[in-house]
Amino acid sequence: MQDEGGRKAFAKVFRVFLDPENYPIDFHCIAGQDRTGAVAFILNALLGVEEEQLYLDWEATAFWNPSPHFNHEKLFFKLVRGFDRWPGDTINERVEAYVLDLGFTPENIARFRDLMLEPAP
């Protein structure tokens, strides 16, 4: 998600989530883990999901893949450490800085949160 192609792809996906006409949204990839997991990781981080839960959610996507060549841990660290390029004390803050660096605004992020989260009672 941090190279140019991944950044463009995520920006395209995020624009889909900003349009209420697109809901409900079902997203997936061929294998249902790496790209899908990365998108879910970023979206959940923007929604304030706690760091440990973000990691557990990512980990759950690896259980079905029996291939000895698949290195889920390597992909996980590549994703998480890739956000270290952006400022923030938490993974959530670094992911938000990443999304802002893609050209989105704080208002875009607030709109996404409004679309995805129920109002507080």
PDB file of N, CA and C in Angstrom:
ATOM      1  N   MET A   1       0.806  -1.210   0.000  1.00  0.00           N
ATOM      2  CA  MET A   1       0.000   0.000   0.000  1.00  0.00           C
ATOM      3  C   MET A   1       0.847   1.271   0.000  1.00  0.00           C
ATOM      4  N   GLN A   2       2.127   1.144   0.239  1.00  0.00           N
ATOM      5  CA  GLN A   2       2.950   2.345   0.319  1.00  0.00           C
ATOM      6  C   GLN A   2       3.678   2.683  -0.981  1.00  0.00           C
ATOM      7  N   ASP A   3       3.805   1.728  -1.911  1.00  0.00           N
ATOM      8  CA  ASP A   3       4.437   2.100  -3.177  1.00  0.00           C
ATOM      9  C   ASP A   3       3.421   2.864  -4.026  1.00  0.00           C
ATOM     10  N   GLU A   4       3.876   3.409  -5.130  1.00  0.00           N
ATOM     11  CA  GLU A   4       3.010   4.287  -5.932  1.00  0.00           C
ATOM     12  C   GLU A   4       1.745   3.576  -6.415  1.00  0.00           C
ATOM     13  N   GLY A   5       1.900   2.348  -6.875  1.00  0.00           N
ATOM     14  CA  GLY A   5       0.724   1.604  -7.344  1.00  0.00           C
ATOM     15  C   GLY A   5      -0.263   1.332  -6.225  1.00  0.00           C
ATOM     16  N   GLY A   6       0.239   0.950  -5.071  1.00  0.00           N
ATOM     17  CA  GLY A   6      -0.626   0.685  -3.922  1.00  0.00           C
ATOM     18  C   GLY A   6      -1.312   1.942  -3.425  1.00  0.00           C
ATOM     19  N   ARG A   7      -0.584   3.045  -3.436  1.00  0.00           N
ATOM     20  CA  ARG A   7      -1.167   4.318  -3.000  1.00  0.00           C
ATOM     21  C   ARG A   7      -2.318   4.721  -3.930  1.00  0.00           C
ATOM     22  N   LYS A   8      -2.095   4.589  -5.221  1.00  0.00           N
ATOM     23  CA  LYS A   8      -3.151   4.928  -6.188  1.00  0.00           C
ATOM     24  C   LYS A   8      -4.354   3.999  -6.027  1.00  0.00           C
ATOM     25  N   ALA A   9      -4.074   2.722  -5.825  1.00  0.00           N
ATOM     26  CA  ALA A   9      -5.166   1.762  -5.667  1.00  0.00           C
ATOM     27  C   ALA A   9      -5.980   2.063  -4.414  1.00  0.00           C
ATOM     28  N   PHE A  10      -5.295   2.341  -3.296  1.00  0.00           N
ATOM     29  CA  PHE A  10      -6.053   2.631  -2.081  1.00  0.00           C
ATOM     30  C   PHE A  10      -6.847   3.925  -2.239  1.00  0.00           C
ATOM     31  N   ALA A  11      -6.267   4.949  -2.863  1.00  0.00           N
ATOM     32  CA  ALA A  11      -6.990   6.210  -3.069  1.00  0.00           C
ATOM     33  C   ALA A  11      -8.275   5.957  -3.866  1.00  0.00           C
ATOM     34  N   LYS A  12      -8.189   5.105  -4.870  1.00  0.00           N
ATOM     35  CA  LYS A  12      -9.362   4.774  -5.678  1.00  0.00           C
ATOM     36  C   LYS A  12     -10.422   4.073  -4.819  1.00  0.00           C
ATOM     37  N   VAL A  13      -9.981   3.133  -3.998  1.00  0.00           N
ATOM     38  CA  VAL A  13     -10.905   2.411  -3.114  1.00  0.00           C
ATOM     39  C   VAL A  13     -11.532   3.364  -2.109  1.00  0.00           C
ATOM     40  N   PHE A  14     -10.723   4.240  -1.530  1.00  0.00           N
ATOM     41  CA  PHE A  14     -11.246   5.142  -0.500  1.00  0.00           C
ATOM     42  C   PHE A  14     -12.294   6.085  -1.070  1.00  0.00           C
ATOM     43  N   ARG A  15     -12.107   6.520  -2.319  1.00  0.00           N
ATOM     44  CA  ARG A  15     -13.117   7.373  -2.950  1.00  0.00           C
ATOM     45  C   ARG A  15     -14.458   6.645  -3.047  1.00  0.00           C
ATOM     46  N   VAL A  16     -14.428   5.341  -3.270  1.00  0.00           N
ATOM     47  CA  VAL A  16     -15.661   4.549  -3.309  1.00  0.00           C
ATOM     48  C   VAL A  16     -16.363   4.620  -1.954  1.00  0.00           C
ATOM     49  N   PHE A  17     -15.596   4.519  -0.880  1.00  0.00           N
ATOM     50  CA  PHE A  17     -16.175   4.541   0.467  1.00  0.00           C
ATOM     51  C   PHE A  17     -16.699   5.922   0.862  1.00  0.00           C
ATOM     52  N   LEU A  18     -16.272   6.966   0.174  1.00  0.00           N
ATOM     53  CA  LEU A  18     -16.736   8.316   0.503  1.00  0.00           C
ATOM     54  C   LEU A  18     -18.084   8.659  -0.133  1.00  0.00           C
ATOM     55  N   ASP A  19     -18.541   7.846  -1.059  1.00  0.00           N
ATOM     56  CA  ASP A  19     -19.798   8.121  -1.757  1.00  0.00           C
ATOM     57  C   ASP A  19     -20.917   7.271  -1.163  1.00  0.00           C
ATOM     58  N   PRO A  20     -21.889   7.892  -0.487  1.00  0.00           N
ATOM     59  CA  PRO A  20     -22.972   7.126   0.126  1.00  0.00           C
ATOM     60  C   PRO A  20     -23.804   6.325  -0.874  1.00  0.00           C
ATOM     61  N   GLU A  21     -23.766   6.696  -2.138  1.00  0.00           N
ATOM     62  CA  GLU A  21     -24.505   5.959  -3.172  1.00  0.00           C
ATOM     63  C   GLU A  21     -23.942   4.552  -3.382  1.00  0.00           C
ATOM     64  N   ASN A  22     -22.717   4.313  -2.940  1.00  0.00           N
ATOM     65  CA  ASN A  22     -22.067   3.017  -3.141  1.00  0.00           C
ATOM     66  C   ASN A  22     -22.393   1.988  -2.065  1.00  0.00           C
ATOM     67  N   TYR A  23     -23.086   2.392  -1.026  1.00  0.00           N
ATOM     68  CA  TYR A  23     -23.352   1.477   0.094  1.00  0.00           C
ATOM     69  C   TYR A  23     -24.582   0.624  -0.179  1.00  0.00           C
ATOM     70  N   PRO A  24     -24.595  -0.623   0.259  1.00  0.00           N
ATOM     71  CA  PRO A  24     -23.544  -1.324   0.999  1.00  0.00           C
ATOM     72  C   PRO A  24     -22.390  -1.706   0.072  1.00  0.00           C
ATOM     73  N   ILE A  25     -21.200  -1.819   0.646  1.00  0.00           N
ATOM     74  CA  ILE A  25     -19.990  -2.121  -0.118  1.00  0.00           C
ATOM     75  C   ILE A  25     -19.477  -3.499   0.280  1.00  0.00           C
ATOM     76  N   ASP A  26     -19.151  -4.288  -0.728  1.00  0.00           N
ATOM     77  CA  ASP A  26     -18.523  -5.596  -0.539  1.00  0.00           C
ATOM     78  C   ASP A  26     -17.193  -5.522  -1.265  1.00  0.00           C
ATOM     79  N   PHE A  27     -16.095  -5.708  -0.546  1.00  0.00           N
ATOM     80  CA  PHE A  27     -14.797  -5.652  -1.225  1.00  0.00           C
ATOM     81  C   PHE A  27     -14.005  -6.914  -0.931  1.00  0.00           C
ATOM     82  N   HIS A  28     -13.241  -7.329  -1.936  1.00  0.00           N
ATOM     83  CA  HIS A  28     -12.462  -8.555  -1.823  1.00  0.00           C
ATOM     84  C   HIS A  28     -11.394  -8.559  -2.896  1.00  0.00           C
ATOM     85  N   CYS A  29     -10.465  -9.495  -2.770  1.00  0.00           N
ATOM     86  CA  CYS A  29      -9.502  -9.744  -3.833  1.00  0.00           C
ATOM     87  C   CYS A  29      -9.545 -11.235  -4.138  1.00  0.00           C
ATOM     88  N   ILE A  30      -8.674 -11.708  -4.988  1.00  0.00           N
ATOM     89  CA  ILE A  30      -8.711 -13.106  -5.405  1.00  0.00           C
ATOM     90  C   ILE A  30      -8.540 -14.037  -4.214  1.00  0.00           C
ATOM     91  N   ALA A  31      -7.533 -13.769  -3.384  1.00  0.00           N
ATOM     92  CA  ALA A  31      -7.255 -14.656  -2.253  1.00  0.00           C
ATOM     93  C   ALA A  31      -7.973 -14.222  -0.983  1.00  0.00           C
ATOM     94  N   GLY A  32      -8.376 -12.966  -0.904  1.00  0.00           N
ATOM     95  CA  GLY A  32      -9.106 -12.498   0.267  1.00  0.00           C
ATOM     96  C   GLY A  32      -8.249 -12.213   1.476  1.00  0.00           C
ATOM     97  N   GLN A  33      -6.971 -11.933   1.265  1.00  0.00           N
ATOM     98  CA  GLN A  33      -6.147 -11.647   2.425  1.00  0.00           C
ATOM     99  C   GLN A  33      -5.272 -10.419   2.210  1.00  0.00           C
ATOM    100  N   ASP A  34      -4.227 -10.471   1.464  1.00  0.00           N
ATOM    101  CA  ASP A  34      -3.237  -9.395   1.445  1.00  0.00           C
ATOM    102  C   ASP A  34      -3.818  -8.028   1.084  1.00  0.00           C
ATOM    103  N   ARG A  35      -4.325  -7.875  -0.113  1.00  0.00           N
ATOM    104  CA  ARG A  35      -4.870  -6.575  -0.504  1.00  0.00           C
ATOM    105  C   ARG A  35      -6.133  -6.250   0.273  1.00  0.00           C
ATOM    106  N   THR A  36      -7.011  -7.229   0.375  1.00  0.00           N
ATOM    107  CA  THR A  36      -8.234  -7.023   1.137  1.00  0.00           C
ATOM    108  C   THR A  36      -7.902  -6.721   2.593  1.00  0.00           C
ATOM    109  N   GLY A  37      -6.980  -7.483   3.140  1.00  0.00           N
ATOM    110  CA  GLY A  37      -6.568  -7.265   4.529  1.00  0.00           C
ATOM    111  C   GLY A  37      -5.938  -5.902   4.732  1.00  0.00           C
ATOM    112  N   ALA A  38      -5.143  -5.447   3.765  1.00  0.00           N
ATOM    113  CA  ALA A  38      -4.510  -4.129   3.874  1.00  0.00           C
ATOM    114  C   ALA A  38      -5.560  -3.022   3.826  1.00  0.00           C
ATOM    115  N   VAL A  39      -6.524  -3.152   2.925  1.00  0.00           N
ATOM    116  CA  VAL A  39      -7.594  -2.150   2.850  1.00  0.00           C
ATOM    117  C   VAL A  39      -8.396  -2.147   4.149  1.00  0.00           C
ATOM    118  N   ALA A  40      -8.771  -3.321   4.633  1.00  0.00           N
ATOM    119  CA  ALA A  40      -9.523  -3.395   5.891  1.00  0.00           C
ATOM    120  C   ALA A  40      -8.711  -2.824   7.047  1.00  0.00           C
ATOM    121  N   PHE A  41      -7.415  -3.097   7.067  1.00  0.00           N
ATOM    122  CA  PHE A  41      -6.529  -2.574   8.111  1.00  0.00           C
ATOM    123  C   PHE A  41      -6.569  -1.042   8.113  1.00  0.00           C
ATOM    124  N   ILE A  42      -6.413  -0.442   6.945  1.00  0.00           N
ATOM    125  CA  ILE A  42      -6.396   1.022   6.837  1.00  0.00           C
ATOM    126  C   ILE A  42      -7.754   1.600   7.222  1.00  0.00           C
ATOM    127  N   LEU A  43      -8.821   1.042   6.685  1.00  0.00           N
ATOM    128  CA  LEU A  43     -10.158   1.561   6.994  1.00  0.00           C
ATOM    129  C   LEU A  43     -10.457   1.444   8.482  1.00  0.00           C
ATOM    130  N   ASN A  44     -10.139   0.300   9.070  1.00  0.00           N
ATOM    131  CA  ASN A  44     -10.386   0.122  10.499  1.00  0.00           C
ATOM    132  C   ASN A  44      -9.515   1.047  11.349  1.00  0.00           C
ATOM    133  N   ALA A  45      -8.288   1.266  10.922  1.00  0.00           N
ATOM    134  CA  ALA A  45      -7.426   2.208  11.654  1.00  0.00           C
ATOM    135  C   ALA A  45      -8.028   3.609  11.626  1.00  0.00           C
ATOM    136  N   LEU A  46      -8.573   4.006  10.477  1.00  0.00           N
ATOM    137  CA  LEU A  46      -9.223   5.322  10.379  1.00  0.00           C
ATOM    138  C   LEU A  46     -10.446   5.408  11.288  1.00  0.00           C
ATOM    139  N   LEU A  47     -11.084   4.275  11.516  1.00  0.00           N
ATOM    140  CA  LEU A  47     -12.280   4.250  12.365  1.00  0.00           C
ATOM    141  C   LEU A  47     -11.938   4.174  13.844  1.00  0.00           C
ATOM    142  N   GLY A  48     -10.649   4.100  14.165  1.00  0.00           N
ATOM    143  CA  GLY A  48     -10.237   4.110  15.564  1.00  0.00           C
ATOM    144  C   GLY A  48     -10.132   2.746  16.210  1.00  0.00           C
ATOM    145  N   VAL A  49     -10.155   1.678  15.411  1.00  0.00           N
ATOM    146  CA  VAL A  49      -9.990   0.344  15.978  1.00  0.00           C
ATOM    147  C   VAL A  49      -8.624   0.282  16.652  1.00  0.00           C
ATOM    148  N   GLU A  50      -8.597  -0.294  17.838  1.00  0.00           N
ATOM    149  CA  GLU A  50      -7.358  -0.354  18.609  1.00  0.00           C
ATOM    150  C   GLU A  50      -6.301  -1.181  17.898  1.00  0.00           C
ATOM    151  N   GLU A  51      -5.047  -0.827  18.139  1.00  0.00           N
ATOM    152  CA  GLU A  51      -3.914  -1.442  17.464  1.00  0.00           C
ATOM    153  C   GLU A  51      -3.912  -2.967  17.577  1.00  0.00           C
ATOM    154  N   GLU A  52      -4.090  -3.488  18.760  1.00  0.00           N
ATOM    155  CA  GLU A  52      -4.066  -4.935  18.938  1.00  0.00           C
ATOM    156  C   GLU A  52      -5.151  -5.611  18.110  1.00  0.00           C
ATOM    157  N   GLN A  53      -6.334  -5.013  18.062  1.00  0.00           N
ATOM    158  CA  GLN A  53      -7.423  -5.598  17.282  1.00  0.00           C
ATOM    159  C   GLN A  53      -7.127  -5.524  15.785  1.00  0.00           C
ATOM    160  N   LEU A  54      -6.479  -4.447  15.336  1.00  0.00           N
ATOM    161  CA  LEU A  54      -6.068  -4.361  13.932  1.00  0.00           C
ATOM    162  C   LEU A  54      -5.153  -5.529  13.580  1.00  0.00           C
ATOM    163  N   TYR A  55      -4.209  -5.822  14.472  1.00  0.00           N
ATOM    164  CA  TYR A  55      -3.251  -6.893  14.231  1.00  0.00           C
ATOM    165  C   TYR A  55      -3.938  -8.257  14.259  1.00  0.00           C
ATOM    166  N   LEU A  56      -4.850  -8.454  15.194  1.00  0.00           N
ATOM    167  CA  LEU A  56      -5.562  -9.728  15.278  1.00  0.00           C
ATOM    168  C   LEU A  56      -6.434  -9.953  14.045  1.00  0.00           C
ATOM    169  N   ASP A  57      -7.066  -8.896  13.565  1.00  0.00           N
ATOM    170  CA  ASP A  57      -7.893  -9.002  12.370  1.00  0.00           C
ATOM    171  C   ASP A  57      -7.037  -9.404  11.174  1.00  0.00           C
ATOM    172  N   TRP A  58      -5.866  -8.766  11.026  1.00  0.00           N
ATOM    173  CA  TRP A  58      -4.958  -9.113   9.937  1.00  0.00           C
ATOM    174  C   TRP A  58      -4.537 -10.577  10.065  1.00  0.00           C
ATOM    175  N   GLU A  59      -4.193 -10.999  11.277  1.00  0.00           N
ATOM    176  CA  GLU A  59      -3.726 -12.363  11.507  1.00  0.00           C
ATOM    177  C   GLU A  59      -4.788 -13.394  11.122  1.00  0.00           C
ATOM    178  N   ALA A  60      -6.029 -13.081  11.364  1.00  0.00           N
ATOM    179  CA  ALA A  60      -7.107 -14.027  11.062  1.00  0.00           C
ATOM    180  C   ALA A  60      -7.179 -14.362   9.575  1.00  0.00           C
ATOM    181  N   THR A  61      -6.671 -13.484   8.707  1.00  0.00           N
ATOM    182  CA  THR A  61      -6.748 -13.743   7.269  1.00  0.00           C
ATOM    183  C   THR A  61      -5.750 -14.794   6.810  1.00  0.00           C
ATOM    184  N   ALA A  62      -4.799 -15.193   7.663  1.00  0.00           N
ATOM    185  CA  ALA A  62      -3.759 -16.134   7.250  1.00  0.00           C
ATOM    186  C   ALA A  62      -4.100 -17.583   7.542  1.00  0.00           C
ATOM    187  N   PHE A  63      -5.119 -17.850   8.318  1.00  0.00           N
ATOM    188  CA  PHE A  63      -5.370 -19.212   8.777  1.00  0.00           C
ATOM    189  C   PHE A  63      -5.641 -20.214   7.672  1.00  0.00           C
ATOM    190  N   TRP A  64      -6.232 -19.788   6.588  1.00  0.00           N
ATOM    191  CA  TRP A  64      -6.659 -20.741   5.565  1.00  0.00           C
ATOM    192  C   TRP A  64      -5.561 -21.081   4.562  1.00  0.00           C
ATOM    193  N   ASN A  65      -4.458 -20.305   4.504  1.00  0.00           N
ATOM    194  CA  ASN A  65      -3.462 -20.459   3.450  1.00  0.00           C
ATOM    195  C   ASN A  65      -2.402 -21.498   3.833  1.00  0.00           C
ATOM    196  N   PRO A  66      -2.461 -22.700   3.272  1.00  0.00           N
ATOM    197  CA  PRO A  66      -1.515 -23.756   3.642  1.00  0.00           C
ATOM    198  C   PRO A  66      -0.201 -23.730   2.855  1.00  0.00           C
ATOM    199  N   SER A  67      -0.038 -22.813   1.922  1.00  0.00           N
ATOM    200  CA  SER A  67       1.147 -22.793   1.076  1.00  0.00           C
ATOM    201  C   SER A  67       2.417 -22.569   1.903  1.00  0.00           C
ATOM    202  N   PRO A  68       3.435 -23.400   1.707  1.00  0.00           N
ATOM    203  CA  PRO A  68       4.692 -23.198   2.435  1.00  0.00           C
ATOM    204  C   PRO A  68       5.451 -21.968   1.945  1.00  0.00           C
ATOM    205  N   HIS A  69       5.048 -21.422   0.806  1.00  0.00           N
ATOM    206  CA  HIS A  69       5.715 -20.240   0.263  1.00  0.00           C
ATOM    207  C   HIS A  69       5.081 -18.928   0.728  1.00  0.00           C
ATOM    208  N   PHE A  70       3.929 -19.034   1.337  1.00  0.00           N
ATOM    209  CA  PHE A  70       3.227 -17.841   1.810  1.00  0.00           C
ATOM    210  C   PHE A  70       3.824 -17.410   3.150  1.00  0.00           C
ATOM    211  N   ASN A  71       4.268 -16.170   3.218  1.00  0.00           N
ATOM    212  CA  ASN A  71       4.878 -15.660   4.444  1.00  0.00           C
ATOM    213  C   ASN A  71       4.019 -14.517   4.970  1.00  0.00           C
ATOM    214  N   HIS A  72       3.007 -14.877   5.724  1.00  0.00           N
ATOM    215  CA  HIS A  72       2.072 -13.894   6.254  1.00  0.00           C
ATOM    216  C   HIS A  72       2.772 -12.894   7.173  1.00  0.00           C
ATOM    217  N   GLU A  73       3.689 -13.372   8.003  1.00  0.00           N
ATOM    218  CA  GLU A  73       4.397 -12.489   8.936  1.00  0.00           C
ATOM    219  C   GLU A  73       5.178 -11.415   8.182  1.00  0.00           C
ATOM    220  N   LYS A  74       5.866 -11.799   7.121  1.00  0.00           N
ATOM    221  CA  LYS A  74       6.631 -10.833   6.324  1.00  0.00           C
ATOM    222  C   LYS A  74       5.704  -9.765   5.733  1.00  0.00           C
ATOM    223  N   LEU A  75       4.569 -10.192   5.200  1.00  0.00           N
ATOM    224  CA  LEU A  75       3.618  -9.238   4.617  1.00  0.00           C
ATOM    225  C   LEU A  75       3.031  -8.315   5.681  1.00  0.00           C
ATOM    226  N   PHE A  76       2.766  -8.866   6.861  1.00  0.00           N
ATOM    227  CA  PHE A  76       2.233  -8.061   7.960  1.00  0.00           C
ATOM    228  C   PHE A  76       3.221  -6.963   8.346  1.00  0.00           C
ATOM    229  N   PHE A  77       4.475  -7.338   8.545  1.00  0.00           N
ATOM    230  CA  PHE A  77       5.471  -6.349   8.946  1.00  0.00           C
ATOM    231  C   PHE A  77       5.720  -5.323   7.846  1.00  0.00           C
ATOM    232  N   LYS A  78       5.641  -5.757   6.597  1.00  0.00           N
ATOM    233  CA  LYS A  78       5.789  -4.814   5.491  1.00  0.00           C
ATOM    234  C   LYS A  78       4.671  -3.775   5.529  1.00  0.00           C
ATOM    235  N   LEU A  79       3.453  -4.232   5.767  1.00  0.00           N
ATOM    236  CA  LEU A  79       2.317  -3.310   5.847  1.00  0.00           C
ATOM    237  C   LEU A  79       2.469  -2.356   7.025  1.00  0.00           C
ATOM    238  N   VAL A  80       2.643  -2.897   8.217  1.00  0.00           N
ATOM    239  CA  VAL A  80       2.664  -2.072   9.426  1.00  0.00           C
ATOM    240  C   VAL A  80       3.873  -1.143   9.441  1.00  0.00           C
ATOM    241  N   ARG A  81       5.039  -1.671   9.146  1.00  0.00           N
ATOM    242  CA  ARG A  81       6.253  -0.830   9.169  1.00  0.00           C
ATOM    243  C   ARG A  81       6.249   0.199   8.053  1.00  0.00           C
ATOM    244  N   GLY A  82       5.519  -0.078   6.988  1.00  0.00           N
ATOM    245  CA  GLY A  82       5.418   0.894   5.910  1.00  0.00           C
ATOM    246  C   GLY A  82       4.795   2.205   6.360  1.00  0.00           C
ATOM    247  N   PHE A  83       3.945   2.157   7.376  1.00  0.00           N
ATOM    248  CA  PHE A  83       3.313   3.382   7.875  1.00  0.00           C
ATOM    249  C   PHE A  83       4.241   4.193   8.769  1.00  0.00           C
ATOM    250  N   ASP A  84       5.410   3.644   9.098  1.00  0.00           N
ATOM    251  CA  ASP A  84       6.368   4.388   9.917  1.00  0.00           C
ATOM    252  C   ASP A  84       6.902   5.619   9.200  1.00  0.00           C
ATOM    253  N   ARG A  85       6.706   5.705   7.906  1.00  0.00           N
ATOM    254  CA  ARG A  85       7.144   6.881   7.133  1.00  0.00           C
ATOM    255  C   ARG A  85       6.305   8.113   7.444  1.00  0.00           C
ATOM    256  N   TRP A  86       5.146   7.912   8.026  1.00  0.00           N
ATOM    257  CA  TRP A  86       4.245   9.018   8.312  1.00  0.00           C
ATOM    258  C   TRP A  86       4.266   9.329   9.806  1.00  0.00           C
ATOM    259  N   PRO A  87       4.006  10.601  10.162  1.00  0.00           N
ATOM    260  CA  PRO A  87       4.079  10.991  11.575  1.00  0.00           C
ATOM    261  C   PRO A  87       2.897  10.465  12.380  1.00  0.00           C
ATOM    262  N   GLY A  88       3.146  10.285  13.662  1.00  0.00           N
ATOM    263  CA  GLY A  88       2.097   9.865  14.582  1.00  0.00           C
ATOM    264  C   GLY A  88       2.662   8.978  15.665  1.00  0.00           C
ATOM    265  N   ASP A  89       2.031   9.035  16.821  1.00  0.00           N
ATOM    266  CA  ASP A  89       2.466   8.215  17.948  1.00  0.00           C
ATOM    267  C   ASP A  89       1.842   6.824  17.918  1.00  0.00           C
ATOM    268  N   THR A  90       0.738   6.665  17.208  1.00  0.00           N
ATOM    269  CA  THR A  90       0.044   5.381  17.135  1.00  0.00           C
ATOM    270  C   THR A  90      -0.103   4.975  15.677  1.00  0.00           C
ATOM    271  N   ILE A  91      -0.390   3.708  15.456  1.00  0.00           N
ATOM    272  CA  ILE A  91      -0.627   3.239  14.090  1.00  0.00           C
ATOM    273  C   ILE A  91      -1.827   3.968  13.496  1.00  0.00           C
ATOM    274  N   ASN A  92      -2.832   4.268  14.300  1.00  0.00           N
ATOM    275  CA  ASN A  92      -4.012   4.973  13.798  1.00  0.00           C
ATOM    276  C   ASN A  92      -3.630   6.363  13.292  1.00  0.00           C
ATOM    277  N   GLU A  93      -2.782   7.062  14.038  1.00  0.00           N
ATOM    278  CA  GLU A  93      -2.353   8.401  13.621  1.00  0.00           C
ATOM    279  C   GLU A  93      -1.500   8.340  12.359  1.00  0.00           C
ATOM    280  N   ARG A  94      -0.639   7.329  12.262  1.00  0.00           N
ATOM    281  CA  ARG A  94       0.218   7.199  11.071  1.00  0.00           C
ATOM    282  C   ARG A  94      -0.615   6.842   9.839  1.00  0.00           C
ATOM    283  N   VAL A  95      -1.617   5.984  10.020  1.00  0.00           N
ATOM    284  CA  VAL A  95      -2.502   5.646   8.894  1.00  0.00           C
ATOM    285  C   VAL A  95      -3.278   6.885   8.449  1.00  0.00           C
ATOM    286  N   GLU A  96      -3.768   7.659   9.401  1.00  0.00           N
ATOM    287  CA  GLU A  96      -4.483   8.882   9.025  1.00  0.00           C
ATOM    288  C   GLU A  96      -3.565   9.834   8.262  1.00  0.00           C
ATOM    289  N   ALA A  97      -2.311   9.971   8.711  1.00  0.00           N
ATOM    290  CA  ALA A  97      -1.353  10.834   8.004  1.00  0.00           C
ATOM    291  C   ALA A  97      -1.105  10.307   6.587  1.00  0.00           C
ATOM    292  N   TYR A  98      -1.051   8.990   6.443  1.00  0.00           N
ATOM    293  CA  TYR A  98      -0.904   8.363   5.119  1.00  0.00           C
ATOM    294  C   TYR A  98      -2.064   8.755   4.207  1.00  0.00           C
ATOM    295  N   VAL A  99      -3.284   8.649   4.716  1.00  0.00           N
ATOM    296  CA  VAL A  99      -4.468   8.972   3.911  1.00  0.00           C
ATOM    297  C   VAL A  99      -4.470  10.465   3.549  1.00  0.00           C
ATOM    298  N   LEU A 100      -4.095  11.296   4.482  1.00  0.00           N
ATOM    299  CA  LEU A 100      -4.002  12.734   4.183  1.00  0.00           C
ATOM    300  C   LEU A 100      -2.933  12.997   3.118  1.00  0.00           C
ATOM    301  N   ASP A 101      -1.844  12.262   3.176  1.00  0.00           N
ATOM    302  CA  ASP A 101      -0.770  12.414   2.196  1.00  0.00           C
ATOM    303  C   ASP A 101      -1.209  11.983   0.799  1.00  0.00           C
ATOM    304  N   LEU A 102      -2.244  11.166   0.720  1.00  0.00           N
ATOM    305  CA  LEU A 102      -2.788  10.754  -0.577  1.00  0.00           C
ATOM    306  C   LEU A 102      -3.623  11.855  -1.221  1.00  0.00           C
ATOM    307  N   GLY A 103      -3.816  12.956  -0.495  1.00  0.00           N
ATOM    308  CA  GLY A 103      -4.591  14.066  -1.035  1.00  0.00           C
ATOM    309  C   GLY A 103      -5.989  14.186  -0.464  1.00  0.00           C
ATOM    310  N   PHE A 104      -6.335  13.314   0.458  1.00  0.00           N
ATOM    311  CA  PHE A 104      -7.628  13.421   1.110  1.00  0.00           C
ATOM    312  C   PHE A 104      -7.539  14.457   2.228  1.00  0.00           C
ATOM    313  N   THR A 105      -8.687  14.926   2.671  1.00  0.00           N
ATOM    314  CA  THR A 105      -8.740  15.978   3.678  1.00  0.00           C
ATOM    315  C   THR A 105      -9.275  15.421   4.998  1.00  0.00           C
ATOM    316  N   PRO A 106      -9.078  16.171   6.082  1.00  0.00           N
ATOM    317  CA  PRO A 106      -9.708  15.756   7.340  1.00  0.00           C
ATOM    318  C   PRO A 106     -11.223  15.632   7.200  1.00  0.00           C
ATOM    319  N   GLU A 107     -11.814  16.461   6.341  1.00  0.00           N
ATOM    320  CA  GLU A 107     -13.259  16.381   6.108  1.00  0.00           C
ATOM    321  C   GLU A 107     -13.637  15.072   5.415  1.00  0.00           C
ATOM    322  N   ASN A 108     -12.793  14.607   4.492  1.00  0.00           N
ATOM    323  CA  ASN A 108     -13.044  13.308   3.852  1.00  0.00           C
ATOM    324  C   ASN A 108     -13.036  12.189   4.883  1.00  0.00           C
ATOM    325  N   ILE A 109     -12.058  12.227   5.771  1.00  0.00           N
ATOM    326  CA  ILE A 109     -11.961  11.195   6.803  1.00  0.00           C
ATOM    327  C   ILE A 109     -13.159  11.268   7.740  1.00  0.00           C
ATOM    328  N   ALA A 110     -13.568  12.475   8.105  1.00  0.00           N
ATOM    329  CA  ALA A 110     -14.751  12.643   8.960  1.00  0.00           C
ATOM    330  C   ALA A 110     -15.999  12.119   8.247  1.00  0.00           C
ATOM    331  N   ARG A 111     -16.108  12.364   6.960  1.00  0.00           N
ATOM    332  CA  ARG A 111     -17.255  11.862   6.186  1.00  0.00           C
ATOM    333  C   ARG A 111     -17.275  10.333   6.204  1.00  0.00           C
ATOM    334  N   PHE A 112     -16.119   9.719   5.985  1.00  0.00           N
ATOM    335  CA  PHE A 112     -16.026   8.262   6.033  1.00  0.00           C
ATOM    336  C   PHE A 112     -16.481   7.746   7.390  1.00  0.00           C
ATOM    337  N   ARG A 113     -16.008   8.371   8.439  1.00  0.00           N
ATOM    338  CA  ARG A 113     -16.400   7.944   9.789  1.00  0.00           C
ATOM    339  C   ARG A 113     -17.901   8.108  10.000  1.00  0.00           C
ATOM    340  N   ASP A 114     -18.458   9.208   9.509  1.00  0.00           N
ATOM    341  CA  ASP A 114     -19.900   9.418   9.647  1.00  0.00           C
ATOM    342  C   ASP A 114     -20.699   8.341   8.908  1.00  0.00           C
ATOM    343  N   LEU A 115     -20.200   7.938   7.740  1.00  0.00           N
ATOM    344  CA  LEU A 115     -20.893   6.912   6.971  1.00  0.00           C
ATOM    345  C   LEU A 115     -20.794   5.528   7.623  1.00  0.00           C
ATOM    346  N   MET A 116     -19.707   5.276   8.300  1.00  0.00           N
ATOM    347  CA  MET A 116     -19.446   3.933   8.832  1.00  0.00           C
ATOM    348  C   MET A 116     -19.843   3.734  10.280  1.00  0.00           C
ATOM    349  N   LEU A 117     -19.849   4.782  11.068  1.00  0.00           N
ATOM    350  CA  LEU A 117     -20.082   4.645  12.494  1.00  0.00           C
ATOM    351  C   LEU A 117     -21.444   5.202  12.887  1.00  0.00           C
ATOM    352  N   GLU A 118     -22.069   4.545  13.810  1.00  0.00           N
ATOM    353  CA  GLU A 118     -23.337   5.062  14.343  1.00  0.00           C
ATOM    354  C   GLU A 118     -23.042   6.208  15.280  1.00  0.00           C
ATOM    355  N   PRO A 119     -23.926   7.186  15.334  1.00  0.00           N
ATOM    356  CA  PRO A 119     -23.714   8.306  16.264  1.00  0.00           C
ATOM    357  C   PRO A 119     -23.687   7.823  17.705  1.00  0.00           C
ATOM    358  N   ALA A 120     -22.894   8.498  18.511  1.00  0.00           N
ATOM    359  CA  ALA A 120     -22.850   8.167  19.951  1.00  0.00           C
ATOM    360  C   ALA A 120     -24.182   8.485  20.592  1.00  0.00           C
ATOM    361  N   PRO A 121     -24.629   7.651  21.546  1.00  0.00           N
ATOM    362  CA  PRO A 121     -25.934   7.893  22.180  1.00  0.00           C
ATOM    363  C   PRO A 121     -25.933   9.165  23.020  1.00  0.00           C
TER     364      PRO A 121
END
